[in-house]
Amino acid sequence: MPNKNYRVAIALTKQMANSILDQDVLDLLSSFAEVNPVDQLPDEITPDVLKAMIKDADACITCWGTPGFTDEILEASPKLKLIAHAAGSIKHMIPDSFWGTGRRITSNAAIIAEDVSHTVLTFMMIHSRGIWQFAKSTREGNWNGGEAGLFATRRLEGLTVGIVGASHVGKSLIKLLKPFGCKLNLYDPVVPAIEAAALGVNQMELNELIASSDVLTLHAPAIESCRHLINKDNLKLLKDGALFINTARGMVVDEAALIEELKTGRFFACIDVTDPEPPRVDHPFRTMDNVILVPHIAGGHTVDIRKSLGQCAAMEIYNYRHRGSLTNEVRLEMLSHMA
């Protein structure tokens, strides 16, 4: 029988719970705690609903669709010691008063990072083999294969990839690209040389990295020091024929400057994030021939990773309860370098 003195609140919408929590996860939680039934979860969670959900909880699981905690909500849940956030960023989830109270919070950003890095690799493959252009050509009634010489396709081997930010995604991408024989360069001012060496990348200043890149991929956090890190001055350094990828945050790029450079047609862009989101209906990214725009789906939205999100959140609560340990805890001092 579960410990009736320990309660875990599943603070998710019914749709989200069904997406990330399988029966094995629910059985694990129920083995040591009282858990609210998934079939009674609401379709939408308001702050008042969240307040009621976690009132007597010792721990809770949150995700996309769960509103942020307020001072009032936290004050009404004095037993709450752990928030296991099944999604990535936690900055919008908790007020400043959360810190220093003994409460703890975890994030699945490291799990989602694997998904994002796979999307980046997909973008690279599509671009290097000219898939987007070939598909457009056939839609227009043509059959111009490689013999026509209309598109210069390449293997990933030998490409110089410039990675901006050794975040969870940046590090996952480095690991993923190693077998493909790419030359990997990194810009991240907070990474010491010894760590870069361990990652197996070449450290460079930003302008040098951009100028040398066949592929430039952004993985910097959404913090003010990174606002418009990529701008009209350094975008001009990007090679003709290069691939520009942004799966980080829209604010890292000066979009107006990027649009002007893309209008020249001299490089290609794969864009998952914009500033603001969603972009307006007549935004140039939506119609440019040299842009693939997708709706912020790079990470966390595959069937496989969704189940991992629920499993990891549940295991954090299990380990905290039984072993006093957390794998993916977010601490206050980490926030200045996190998305």
C-alpha atoms as a PDB file:
ATOM      1  CA  MET A   1       0.000   0.000   0.000  1.00  0.00           C
ATOM      2  CA  PRO A   2       1.230   3.509  -0.759  1.00  0.00           C
ATOM      3  CA  ASN A   3       2.362   5.728   2.079  1.00  0.00           C
ATOM      4  CA  LYS A   4      -0.722   7.798   2.840  1.00  0.00           C
ATOM      5  CA  ASN A   5       1.526  10.328   4.569  1.00  0.00           C
ATOM      6  CA  TYR A   6       3.286  11.118   1.307  1.00  0.00           C
ATOM      7  CA  ARG A   7       1.389  12.696  -1.559  1.00  0.00           C
ATOM      8  CA  VAL A   8       2.466  13.325  -5.149  1.00  0.00           C
ATOM      9  CA  ALA A   9       0.330  15.727  -7.154  1.00  0.00           C
ATOM     10  CA  ILE A  10       0.192  15.182 -10.895  1.00  0.00           C
ATOM     11  CA  ALA A  11      -0.255  18.848 -11.803  1.00  0.00           C
ATOM     12  CA  LEU A  12      -0.831  18.212 -15.497  1.00  0.00           C
ATOM     13  CA  THR A  13      -3.675  18.588 -17.928  1.00  0.00           C
ATOM     14  CA  LYS A  14      -5.340  15.317 -18.830  1.00  0.00           C
ATOM     15  CA  GLN A  15      -3.923  15.499 -22.370  1.00  0.00           C
ATOM     16  CA  MET A  16      -0.379  16.090 -21.119  1.00  0.00           C
ATOM     17  CA  ALA A  17      -0.609  13.337 -18.508  1.00  0.00           C
ATOM     18  CA  ASN A  18      -1.768  10.840 -21.124  1.00  0.00           C
ATOM     19  CA  SER A  19       1.116  11.961 -23.332  1.00  0.00           C
ATOM     20  CA  ILE A  20       3.973  11.582 -20.844  1.00  0.00           C
ATOM     21  CA  LEU A  21       2.807   9.167 -18.137  1.00  0.00           C
ATOM     22  CA  ASP A  22       2.472   5.490 -18.977  1.00  0.00           C
ATOM     23  CA  GLN A  23       1.087   2.855 -16.629  1.00  0.00           C
ATOM     24  CA  ASP A  24       4.536   1.810 -15.393  1.00  0.00           C
ATOM     25  CA  VAL A  25       5.204   5.365 -14.236  1.00  0.00           C
ATOM     26  CA  LEU A  26       1.846   5.612 -12.505  1.00  0.00           C
ATOM     27  CA  ASP A  27       2.444   2.241 -10.834  1.00  0.00           C
ATOM     28  CA  LEU A  28       5.837   3.422  -9.568  1.00  0.00           C
ATOM     29  CA  LEU A  29       4.385   6.591  -8.069  1.00  0.00           C
ATOM     30  CA  SER A  30       1.465   4.715  -6.533  1.00  0.00           C
ATOM     31  CA  SER A  31       3.840   2.218  -4.925  1.00  0.00           C
ATOM     32  CA  PHE A  32       5.112   4.790  -2.442  1.00  0.00           C
ATOM     33  CA  ALA A  33       2.664   7.695  -2.477  1.00  0.00           C
ATOM     34  CA  GLU A  34      -0.914   8.774  -2.763  1.00  0.00           C
ATOM     35  CA  VAL A  35      -1.414  10.048  -6.314  1.00  0.00           C
ATOM     36  CA  ASN A  36      -4.378  11.883  -7.832  1.00  0.00           C
ATOM     37  CA  PRO A  37      -6.138   9.914 -10.614  1.00  0.00           C
ATOM     38  CA  VAL A  38      -5.183  10.827 -14.173  1.00  0.00           C
ATOM     39  CA  ASP A  39      -8.719  10.329 -15.447  1.00  0.00           C
ATOM     40  CA  GLN A  40      -9.879  13.122 -13.132  1.00  0.00           C
ATOM     41  CA  LEU A  41      -7.358  15.692 -14.351  1.00  0.00           C
ATOM     42  CA  PRO A  42      -8.729  18.884 -15.931  1.00  0.00           C
ATOM     43  CA  ASP A  43      -8.397  19.884 -19.576  1.00  0.00           C
ATOM     44  CA  GLU A  44      -6.917  23.207 -18.485  1.00  0.00           C
ATOM     45  CA  ILE A  45      -5.091  24.273 -15.325  1.00  0.00           C
ATOM     46  CA  THR A  46      -5.596  27.775 -13.995  1.00  0.00           C
ATOM     47  CA  PRO A  47      -3.584  29.171 -11.065  1.00  0.00           C
ATOM     48  CA  ASP A  48      -6.536  28.478  -8.755  1.00  0.00           C
ATOM     49  CA  VAL A  49      -6.753  24.882  -9.989  1.00  0.00           C
ATOM     50  CA  LEU A  50      -3.005  24.435  -9.462  1.00  0.00           C
ATOM     51  CA  LYS A  51      -3.318  25.845  -5.955  1.00  0.00           C
ATOM     52  CA  ALA A  52      -5.970  23.274  -5.107  1.00  0.00           C
ATOM     53  CA  MET A  53      -4.043  20.425  -6.764  1.00  0.00           C
ATOM     54  CA  ILE A  54      -0.878  20.830  -4.718  1.00  0.00           C
ATOM     55  CA  LYS A  55      -2.339  22.094  -1.443  1.00  0.00           C
ATOM     56  CA  ASP A  56      -1.415  18.967   0.533  1.00  0.00           C
ATOM     57  CA  ALA A  57       1.296  17.571  -1.760  1.00  0.00           C
ATOM     58  CA  ASP A  58       4.856  16.729  -0.761  1.00  0.00           C
ATOM     59  CA  ALA A  59       5.975  16.672  -4.403  1.00  0.00           C
ATOM     60  CA  CYS A  60       4.426  17.387  -7.771  1.00  0.00           C
ATOM     61  CA  ILE A  61       4.967  16.805 -11.473  1.00  0.00           C
ATOM     62  CA  THR A  62       4.568  19.768 -13.827  1.00  0.00           C
ATOM     63  CA  CYS A  63       5.007  20.239 -17.571  1.00  0.00           C
ATOM     64  CA  TRP A  64       3.811  22.329 -20.486  1.00  0.00           C
ATOM     65  CA  GLY A  65       0.308  23.498 -19.665  1.00  0.00           C
ATOM     66  CA  THR A  66       1.006  23.892 -15.944  1.00  0.00           C
ATOM     67  CA  PRO A  67       0.895  27.569 -14.938  1.00  0.00           C
ATOM     68  CA  GLY A  68       3.728  29.146 -12.999  1.00  0.00           C
ATOM     69  CA  PHE A  69       3.799  29.047  -9.214  1.00  0.00           C
ATOM     70  CA  THR A  70       3.104  32.300  -7.386  1.00  0.00           C
ATOM     71  CA  ASP A  71       3.875  33.381  -3.831  1.00  0.00           C
ATOM     72  CA  GLU A  72       0.233  32.753  -2.969  1.00  0.00           C
ATOM     73  CA  ILE A  73       0.301  29.231  -4.389  1.00  0.00           C
ATOM     74  CA  LEU A  74       3.509  28.340  -2.572  1.00  0.00           C
ATOM     75  CA  GLU A  75       2.249  29.770   0.722  1.00  0.00           C
ATOM     76  CA  ALA A  76      -0.847  27.585   0.398  1.00  0.00           C
ATOM     77  CA  SER A  77       1.248  24.432  -0.034  1.00  0.00           C
ATOM     78  CA  PRO A  78       3.585  24.341   2.984  1.00  0.00           C
ATOM     79  CA  LYS A  79       4.340  20.616   2.610  1.00  0.00           C
ATOM     80  CA  LEU A  80       5.608  20.941  -0.959  1.00  0.00           C
ATOM     81  CA  LYS A  81       9.343  20.189  -1.088  1.00  0.00           C
ATOM     82  CA  LEU A  82       9.947  19.102  -4.679  1.00  0.00           C
ATOM     83  CA  ILE A  83       8.732  20.190  -8.120  1.00  0.00           C
ATOM     84  CA  ALA A  84       9.706  17.682 -10.803  1.00  0.00           C
ATOM     85  CA  HIS A  85       9.287  19.707 -13.985  1.00  0.00           C
ATOM     86  CA  ALA A  86       8.891  17.314 -16.897  1.00  0.00           C
ATOM     87  CA  ALA A  87       9.654  20.030 -19.470  1.00  0.00           C
ATOM     88  CA  GLY A  88      12.763  22.202 -19.917  1.00  0.00           C
ATOM     89  CA  SER A  89      13.025  25.792 -18.704  1.00  0.00           C
ATOM     90  CA  ILE A  90      11.901  26.440 -15.132  1.00  0.00           C
ATOM     91  CA  LYS A  91      12.429  30.217 -15.036  1.00  0.00           C
ATOM     92  CA  HIS A  92       8.763  30.947 -15.694  1.00  0.00           C
ATOM     93  CA  MET A  93       7.633  28.320 -13.184  1.00  0.00           C
ATOM     94  CA  ILE A  94       8.780  29.769  -9.867  1.00  0.00           C
ATOM     95  CA  PRO A  95       8.952  33.193  -8.180  1.00  0.00           C
ATOM     96  CA  ASP A  96      12.100  34.567  -6.558  1.00  0.00           C
ATOM     97  CA  SER A  97      10.686  33.624  -3.168  1.00  0.00           C
ATOM     98  CA  PHE A  98      11.082  29.930  -4.055  1.00  0.00           C
ATOM     99  CA  TRP A  99      14.810  30.047  -3.438  1.00  0.00           C
ATOM    100  CA  GLY A 100      16.146  29.636   0.071  1.00  0.00           C
ATOM    101  CA  THR A 101      13.019  27.915   1.375  1.00  0.00           C
ATOM    102  CA  GLY A 102      14.338  24.366   1.291  1.00  0.00           C
ATOM    103  CA  ARG A 103      12.163  23.573  -1.697  1.00  0.00           C
ATOM    104  CA  ARG A 104      13.853  22.023  -4.737  1.00  0.00           C
ATOM    105  CA  ILE A 105      13.100  21.830  -8.436  1.00  0.00           C
ATOM    106  CA  THR A 106      14.306  19.608 -11.272  1.00  0.00           C
ATOM    107  CA  SER A 107      14.175  20.009 -15.037  1.00  0.00           C
ATOM    108  CA  ASN A 108      14.187  17.643 -17.993  1.00  0.00           C
ATOM    109  CA  ALA A 109      16.208  20.039 -20.143  1.00  0.00           C
ATOM    110  CA  ALA A 110      18.999  17.482 -20.517  1.00  0.00           C
ATOM    111  CA  ILE A 111      16.525  14.877 -21.812  1.00  0.00           C
ATOM    112  CA  ILE A 112      14.919  17.289 -24.261  1.00  0.00           C
ATOM    113  CA  ALA A 113      18.389  18.300 -25.471  1.00  0.00           C
ATOM    114  CA  GLU A 114      18.838  14.898 -27.096  1.00  0.00           C
ATOM    115  CA  ASP A 115      15.688  15.486 -29.124  1.00  0.00           C
ATOM    116  CA  VAL A 116      16.835  18.961 -30.197  1.00  0.00           C
ATOM    117  CA  SER A 117      20.252  17.730 -31.290  1.00  0.00           C
ATOM    118  CA  HIS A 118      18.592  15.083 -33.472  1.00  0.00           C
ATOM    119  CA  THR A 119      16.535  17.832 -35.115  1.00  0.00           C
ATOM    120  CA  VAL A 120      19.696  19.831 -35.794  1.00  0.00           C
ATOM    121  CA  LEU A 121      21.277  16.768 -37.406  1.00  0.00           C
ATOM    122  CA  THR A 122      18.131  16.348 -39.528  1.00  0.00           C
ATOM    123  CA  PHE A 123      18.373  19.955 -40.705  1.00  0.00           C
ATOM    124  CA  MET A 124      22.025  19.406 -41.591  1.00  0.00           C
ATOM    125  CA  MET A 125      21.257  16.277 -43.595  1.00  0.00           C
ATOM    126  CA  ILE A 126      18.382  17.920 -45.468  1.00  0.00           C
ATOM    127  CA  HIS A 127      20.546  20.876 -46.387  1.00  0.00           C
ATOM    128  CA  SER A 128      23.766  19.063 -47.230  1.00  0.00           C
ATOM    129  CA  ARG A 129      21.950  16.730 -49.635  1.00  0.00           C
ATOM    130  CA  GLY A 130      19.808  19.499 -51.145  1.00  0.00           C
ATOM    131  CA  ILE A 131      16.578  17.707 -50.224  1.00  0.00           C
ATOM    132  CA  TRP A 132      14.557  20.906 -49.792  1.00  0.00           C
ATOM    133  CA  GLN A 133      15.638  22.265 -53.180  1.00  0.00           C
ATOM    134  CA  PHE A 134      15.178  18.959 -54.991  1.00  0.00           C
ATOM    135  CA  ALA A 135      11.672  18.559 -53.542  1.00  0.00           C
ATOM    136  CA  LYS A 136      10.764  22.095 -54.604  1.00  0.00           C
ATOM    137  CA  SER A 137      12.045  21.423 -58.103  1.00  0.00           C
ATOM    138  CA  THR A 138       9.987  18.256 -58.530  1.00  0.00           C
ATOM    139  CA  ARG A 139       6.880  20.004 -57.214  1.00  0.00           C
ATOM    140  CA  GLU A 140       7.368  22.507 -60.018  1.00  0.00           C
ATOM    141  CA  GLY A 141       7.279  19.681 -62.587  1.00  0.00           C
ATOM    142  CA  ASN A 142      11.023  19.272 -63.121  1.00  0.00           C
ATOM    143  CA  TRP A 143      13.203  16.178 -62.858  1.00  0.00           C
ATOM    144  CA  ASN A 144      16.601  17.758 -62.427  1.00  0.00           C
ATOM    145  CA  GLY A 145      18.743  15.186 -60.678  1.00  0.00           C
ATOM    146  CA  GLY A 146      22.344  15.376 -59.655  1.00  0.00           C
ATOM    147  CA  GLU A 147      23.496  15.072 -63.267  1.00  0.00           C
ATOM    148  CA  ALA A 148      21.979  18.477 -63.992  1.00  0.00           C
ATOM    149  CA  GLY A 149      24.504  20.118 -61.704  1.00  0.00           C
ATOM    150  CA  LEU A 150      21.875  22.476 -60.346  1.00  0.00           C
ATOM    151  CA  PHE A 151      22.588  21.722 -56.699  1.00  0.00           C
ATOM    152  CA  ALA A 152      25.904  21.102 -54.969  1.00  0.00           C
ATOM    153  CA  THR A 153      25.352  18.371 -52.425  1.00  0.00           C
ATOM    154  CA  ARG A 154      27.846  17.362 -49.748  1.00  0.00           C
ATOM    155  CA  ARG A 155      28.506  14.733 -47.128  1.00  0.00           C
ATOM    156  CA  LEU A 156      28.648  15.785 -43.497  1.00  0.00           C
ATOM    157  CA  GLU A 157      32.194  14.507 -43.288  1.00  0.00           C
ATOM    158  CA  GLY A 158      34.571  17.434 -43.519  1.00  0.00           C
ATOM    159  CA  LEU A 159      31.980  20.133 -42.833  1.00  0.00           C
ATOM    160  CA  THR A 160      32.996  22.790 -40.332  1.00  0.00           C
ATOM    161  CA  VAL A 161      30.244  23.182 -37.748  1.00  0.00           C
ATOM    162  CA  GLY A 162      30.214  26.277 -35.557  1.00  0.00           C
ATOM    163  CA  ILE A 163      28.372  25.657 -32.275  1.00  0.00           C
ATOM    164  CA  VAL A 164      27.327  28.719 -30.290  1.00  0.00           C
ATOM    165  CA  GLY A 165      26.841  27.606 -26.701  1.00  0.00           C
ATOM    166  CA  ALA A 166      27.920  24.443 -24.877  1.00  0.00           C
ATOM    167  CA  SER A 167      24.473  24.031 -23.354  1.00  0.00           C
ATOM    168  CA  HIS A 168      22.800  20.667 -22.838  1.00  0.00           C
ATOM    169  CA  VAL A 169      21.867  20.784 -26.530  1.00  0.00           C
ATOM    170  CA  GLY A 170      25.292  21.976 -27.620  1.00  0.00           C
ATOM    171  CA  LYS A 171      27.010  19.136 -25.787  1.00  0.00           C
ATOM    172  CA  SER A 172      24.500  16.574 -27.056  1.00  0.00           C
ATOM    173  CA  LEU A 173      25.088  17.797 -30.613  1.00  0.00           C
ATOM    174  CA  ILE A 174      28.861  17.563 -30.221  1.00  0.00           C
ATOM    175  CA  LYS A 175      28.501  13.933 -29.156  1.00  0.00           C
ATOM    176  CA  LEU A 176      26.065  13.197 -31.976  1.00  0.00           C
ATOM    177  CA  LEU A 177      28.263  14.701 -34.706  1.00  0.00           C
ATOM    178  CA  LYS A 178      31.549  13.052 -33.707  1.00  0.00           C
ATOM    179  CA  PRO A 179      31.021   9.882 -35.823  1.00  0.00           C
ATOM    180  CA  PHE A 180      30.285  11.972 -38.929  1.00  0.00           C
ATOM    181  CA  GLY A 181      33.773  13.425 -39.115  1.00  0.00           C
ATOM    182  CA  CYS A 182      32.771  17.089 -38.873  1.00  0.00           C
ATOM    183  CA  LYS A 183      35.225  19.719 -37.687  1.00  0.00           C
ATOM    184  CA  LEU A 184      33.626  21.100 -34.530  1.00  0.00           C
ATOM    185  CA  ASN A 185      34.246  24.659 -33.356  1.00  0.00           C
ATOM    186  CA  LEU A 186      32.743  26.176 -30.217  1.00  0.00           C
ATOM    187  CA  TYR A 187      32.013  29.657 -28.962  1.00  0.00           C
ATOM    188  CA  ASP A 188      31.075  29.821 -25.298  1.00  0.00           C
ATOM    189  CA  PRO A 189      32.785  32.404 -23.083  1.00  0.00           C
ATOM    190  CA  VAL A 190      32.094  30.505 -19.851  1.00  0.00           C
ATOM    191  CA  VAL A 191      33.642  27.218 -20.985  1.00  0.00           C
ATOM    192  CA  PRO A 192      37.278  26.833 -19.860  1.00  0.00           C
ATOM    193  CA  ALA A 193      39.885  25.455 -22.245  1.00  0.00           C
ATOM    194  CA  ILE A 194      40.168  22.193 -20.295  1.00  0.00           C
ATOM    195  CA  GLU A 195      36.441  21.510 -20.768  1.00  0.00           C
ATOM    196  CA  ALA A 196      36.584  22.336 -24.482  1.00  0.00           C
ATOM    197  CA  ALA A 197      39.483  19.901 -24.843  1.00  0.00           C
ATOM    198  CA  ALA A 198      37.482  17.202 -23.062  1.00  0.00           C
ATOM    199  CA  LEU A 199      34.560  17.840 -25.424  1.00  0.00           C
ATOM    200  CA  GLY A 200      36.924  17.521 -28.387  1.00  0.00           C
ATOM    201  CA  VAL A 201      36.114  20.917 -29.913  1.00  0.00           C
ATOM    202  CA  ASN A 202      38.142  23.924 -31.006  1.00  0.00           C
ATOM    203  CA  GLN A 203      37.389  27.093 -29.073  1.00  0.00           C
ATOM    204  CA  MET A 204      37.063  30.313 -31.067  1.00  0.00           C
ATOM    205  CA  GLU A 205      35.884  33.863 -30.680  1.00  0.00           C
ATOM    206  CA  LEU A 206      32.433  34.412 -32.129  1.00  0.00           C
ATOM    207  CA  ASN A 207      33.384  36.290 -35.300  1.00  0.00           C
ATOM    208  CA  GLU A 208      36.094  33.781 -36.165  1.00  0.00           C
ATOM    209  CA  LEU A 209      33.689  30.912 -35.586  1.00  0.00           C
ATOM    210  CA  ILE A 210      30.978  32.417 -37.796  1.00  0.00           C
ATOM    211  CA  ALA A 211      33.397  33.159 -40.641  1.00  0.00           C
ATOM    212  CA  SER A 212      34.766  29.606 -40.622  1.00  0.00           C
ATOM    213  CA  SER A 213      31.426  27.755 -40.437  1.00  0.00           C
ATOM    214  CA  ASP A 214      29.775  25.685 -43.140  1.00  0.00           C
ATOM    215  CA  VAL A 215      27.033  25.176 -40.552  1.00  0.00           C
ATOM    216  CA  LEU A 216      26.322  27.700 -37.786  1.00  0.00           C
ATOM    217  CA  THR A 217      24.004  26.352 -35.081  1.00  0.00           C
ATOM    218  CA  LEU A 218      22.794  28.317 -32.061  1.00  0.00           C
ATOM    219  CA  HIS A 219      22.459  26.857 -28.574  1.00  0.00           C
ATOM    220  CA  ALA A 220      22.904  29.941 -26.403  1.00  0.00           C
ATOM    221  CA  PRO A 221      20.508  30.654 -23.499  1.00  0.00           C
ATOM    222  CA  ALA A 222      17.718  33.232 -23.548  1.00  0.00           C
ATOM    223  CA  ILE A 223      19.430  35.725 -21.256  1.00  0.00           C
ATOM    224  CA  GLU A 224      19.952  39.440 -21.810  1.00  0.00           C
ATOM    225  CA  SER A 225      23.675  39.102 -22.483  1.00  0.00           C
ATOM    226  CA  CYS A 226      22.771  36.867 -25.452  1.00  0.00           C
ATOM    227  CA  ARG A 227      20.119  39.165 -26.937  1.00  0.00           C
ATOM    228  CA  HIS A 228      20.995  39.746 -30.615  1.00  0.00           C
ATOM    229  CA  LEU A 229      24.251  37.884 -30.141  1.00  0.00           C
ATOM    230  CA  ILE A 230      23.864  37.190 -33.865  1.00  0.00           C
ATOM    231  CA  ASN A 231      23.403  40.538 -35.593  1.00  0.00           C
ATOM    232  CA  LYS A 232      23.923  42.584 -38.746  1.00  0.00           C
ATOM    233  CA  ASP A 233      27.657  42.918 -38.135  1.00  0.00           C
ATOM    234  CA  ASN A 234      28.536  39.251 -37.702  1.00  0.00           C
ATOM    235  CA  LEU A 235      25.909  37.775 -40.053  1.00  0.00           C
ATOM    236  CA  LYS A 236      27.848  39.324 -42.924  1.00  0.00           C
ATOM    237  CA  LEU A 237      30.743  37.040 -42.003  1.00  0.00           C
ATOM    238  CA  LEU A 238      28.773  33.872 -42.751  1.00  0.00           C
ATOM    239  CA  LYS A 239      29.994  32.010 -45.839  1.00  0.00           C
ATOM    240  CA  ASP A 240      28.026  31.891 -49.064  1.00  0.00           C
ATOM    241  CA  GLY A 241      26.307  28.509 -49.191  1.00  0.00           C
ATOM    242  CA  ALA A 242      26.389  28.075 -45.411  1.00  0.00           C
ATOM    243  CA  LEU A 243      23.563  26.721 -43.267  1.00  0.00           C
ATOM    244  CA  PHE A 244      22.236  28.806 -40.367  1.00  0.00           C
ATOM    245  CA  ILE A 245      20.265  26.921 -37.675  1.00  0.00           C
ATOM    246  CA  ASN A 246      18.426  28.382 -34.697  1.00  0.00           C
ATOM    247  CA  THR A 247      16.807  25.940 -32.267  1.00  0.00           C
ATOM    248  CA  ALA A 248      17.731  28.064 -29.222  1.00  0.00           C
ATOM    249  CA  ARG A 249      15.542  31.158 -28.770  1.00  0.00           C
ATOM    250  CA  GLY A 250      14.453  33.876 -31.177  1.00  0.00           C
ATOM    251  CA  MET A 251      15.887  36.689 -29.064  1.00  0.00           C
ATOM    252  CA  VAL A 252      19.432  35.437 -29.662  1.00  0.00           C
ATOM    253  CA  VAL A 253      19.145  36.703 -33.263  1.00  0.00           C
ATOM    254  CA  ASP A 254      18.436  40.139 -34.704  1.00  0.00           C
ATOM    255  CA  GLU A 255      15.665  38.895 -36.995  1.00  0.00           C
ATOM    256  CA  ALA A 256      15.561  42.049 -39.123  1.00  0.00           C
ATOM    257  CA  ALA A 257      19.258  41.666 -39.892  1.00  0.00           C
ATOM    258  CA  LEU A 258      18.863  37.945 -40.612  1.00  0.00           C
ATOM    259  CA  ILE A 259      16.005  38.633 -43.015  1.00  0.00           C
ATOM    260  CA  GLU A 260      18.085  41.161 -44.934  1.00  0.00           C
ATOM    261  CA  GLU A 261      20.974  38.714 -45.266  1.00  0.00           C
ATOM    262  CA  LEU A 262      18.636  35.893 -46.323  1.00  0.00           C
ATOM    263  CA  LYS A 263      17.137  38.110 -49.010  1.00  0.00           C
ATOM    264  CA  THR A 264      20.484  37.968 -50.786  1.00  0.00           C
ATOM    265  CA  GLY A 265      19.987  34.201 -51.168  1.00  0.00           C
ATOM    266  CA  ARG A 266      23.589  33.519 -50.308  1.00  0.00           C
ATOM    267  CA  PHE A 267      22.897  31.077 -47.454  1.00  0.00           C
ATOM    268  CA  PHE A 268      20.129  28.833 -46.116  1.00  0.00           C
ATOM    269  CA  ALA A 269      18.382  28.897 -42.729  1.00  0.00           C
ATOM    270  CA  CYS A 270      16.497  26.341 -40.640  1.00  0.00           C
ATOM    271  CA  ILE A 271      14.540  28.153 -37.950  1.00  0.00           C
ATOM    272  CA  ASP A 272      12.585  26.588 -35.087  1.00  0.00           C
ATOM    273  CA  VAL A 273      12.206  29.677 -32.876  1.00  0.00           C
ATOM    274  CA  THR A 274      11.288  33.308 -33.494  1.00  0.00           C
ATOM    275  CA  ASP A 275      10.868  36.517 -31.515  1.00  0.00           C
ATOM    276  CA  PRO A 276       7.994  36.789 -30.785  1.00  0.00           C
ATOM    277  CA  GLU A 277       6.278  33.437 -31.199  1.00  0.00           C
ATOM    278  CA  PRO A 278       4.362  32.709 -33.258  1.00  0.00           C
ATOM    279  CA  PRO A 279       5.666  34.978 -36.028  1.00  0.00           C
ATOM    280  CA  ARG A 280       3.071  37.093 -37.785  1.00  0.00           C
ATOM    281  CA  VAL A 281       1.201  35.480 -40.680  1.00  0.00           C
ATOM    282  CA  ASP A 282       3.048  37.609 -43.258  1.00  0.00           C
ATOM    283  CA  HIS A 283       6.496  37.110 -41.689  1.00  0.00           C
ATOM    284  CA  PRO A 284       9.160  36.711 -44.420  1.00  0.00           C
ATOM    285  CA  PHE A 285      10.432  33.460 -42.890  1.00  0.00           C
ATOM    286  CA  ARG A 286       7.164  31.810 -43.947  1.00  0.00           C
ATOM    287  CA  THR A 287       7.688  32.397 -47.678  1.00  0.00           C
ATOM    288  CA  MET A 288      11.428  32.579 -48.317  1.00  0.00           C
ATOM    289  CA  ASP A 289      12.732  29.815 -50.595  1.00  0.00           C
ATOM    290  CA  ASN A 290      15.936  29.550 -48.575  1.00  0.00           C
ATOM    291  CA  VAL A 291      14.230  29.125 -45.199  1.00  0.00           C
ATOM    292  CA  ILE A 292      12.738  26.098 -43.461  1.00  0.00           C
ATOM    293  CA  LEU A 293      10.537  27.403 -40.642  1.00  0.00           C
ATOM    294  CA  VAL A 294       9.039  24.975 -38.132  1.00  0.00           C
ATOM    295  CA  PRO A 295       6.837  25.839 -35.100  1.00  0.00           C
ATOM    296  CA  HIS A 296       9.170  25.343 -32.108  1.00  0.00           C
ATOM    297  CA  ILE A 297       9.081  21.559 -32.324  1.00  0.00           C
ATOM    298  CA  ALA A 298      12.802  20.754 -32.251  1.00  0.00           C
ATOM    299  CA  GLY A 299      12.703  19.053 -28.873  1.00  0.00           C
ATOM    300  CA  GLY A 300      10.330  17.268 -26.550  1.00  0.00           C
ATOM    301  CA  HIS A 301       7.683  16.356 -29.081  1.00  0.00           C
ATOM    302  CA  THR A 302       8.597  12.878 -30.308  1.00  0.00           C
ATOM    303  CA  VAL A 303       6.558   9.983 -28.940  1.00  0.00           C
ATOM    304  CA  ASP A 304       9.699   8.399 -27.493  1.00  0.00           C
ATOM    305  CA  ILE A 305      10.953  11.471 -25.660  1.00  0.00           C
ATOM    306  CA  ARG A 306       7.498  12.245 -24.259  1.00  0.00           C
ATOM    307  CA  LYS A 307       7.509   8.964 -22.363  1.00  0.00           C
ATOM    308  CA  SER A 308      11.053   9.641 -21.156  1.00  0.00           C
ATOM    309  CA  LEU A 309       9.909  12.984 -19.739  1.00  0.00           C
ATOM    310  CA  GLY A 310       7.344  11.297 -17.511  1.00  0.00           C
ATOM    311  CA  GLN A 311       9.721   8.534 -16.480  1.00  0.00           C
ATOM    312  CA  CYS A 312      12.489  10.965 -15.537  1.00  0.00           C
ATOM    313  CA  ALA A 313      10.174  13.220 -13.535  1.00  0.00           C
ATOM    314  CA  ALA A 314       8.803  10.232 -11.614  1.00  0.00           C
ATOM    315  CA  MET A 315      12.292   8.859 -10.947  1.00  0.00           C
ATOM    316  CA  GLU A 316      13.399  12.219  -9.541  1.00  0.00           C
ATOM    317  CA  ILE A 317      10.568  12.044  -6.999  1.00  0.00           C
ATOM    318  CA  TYR A 318      11.298   8.381  -6.245  1.00  0.00           C
ATOM    319  CA  ASN A 319      15.016   9.015  -5.705  1.00  0.00           C
ATOM    320  CA  TYR A 320      14.382  12.120  -3.629  1.00  0.00           C
ATOM    321  CA  ARG A 321      11.947  10.231  -1.419  1.00  0.00           C
ATOM    322  CA  HIS A 322      14.004   7.052  -1.018  1.00  0.00           C
ATOM    323  CA  ARG A 323      17.618   8.152  -1.491  1.00  0.00           C
ATOM    324  CA  GLY A 324      17.645  11.885  -0.915  1.00  0.00           C
ATOM    325  CA  SER A 325      19.228  12.426  -4.334  1.00  0.00           C
ATOM    326  CA  LEU A 326      18.320  14.382  -7.464  1.00  0.00           C
ATOM    327  CA  THR A 327      19.866  13.978 -10.913  1.00  0.00           C
ATOM    328  CA  ASN A 328      18.675  17.086 -12.747  1.00  0.00           C
ATOM    329  CA  GLU A 329      18.242  19.658  -9.999  1.00  0.00           C
ATOM    330  CA  VAL A 330      18.222  23.350 -10.951  1.00  0.00           C
ATOM    331  CA  ARG A 331      19.861  25.639  -8.408  1.00  0.00           C
ATOM    332  CA  LEU A 332      19.665  29.414  -8.147  1.00  0.00           C
ATOM    333  CA  GLU A 333      23.260  29.949  -9.222  1.00  0.00           C
ATOM    334  CA  MET A 334      22.597  28.056 -12.458  1.00  0.00           C
ATOM    335  CA  LEU A 335      19.867  30.388 -13.723  1.00  0.00           C
ATOM    336  CA  SER A 336      22.155  33.069 -15.159  1.00  0.00           C
ATOM    337  CA  HIS A 337      23.403  30.596 -17.789  1.00  0.00           C
ATOM    338  CA  MET A 338      20.173  28.762 -18.496  1.00  0.00           C
ATOM    339  CA  ALA A 339      17.364  29.280 -20.976  1.00  0.00           C
END
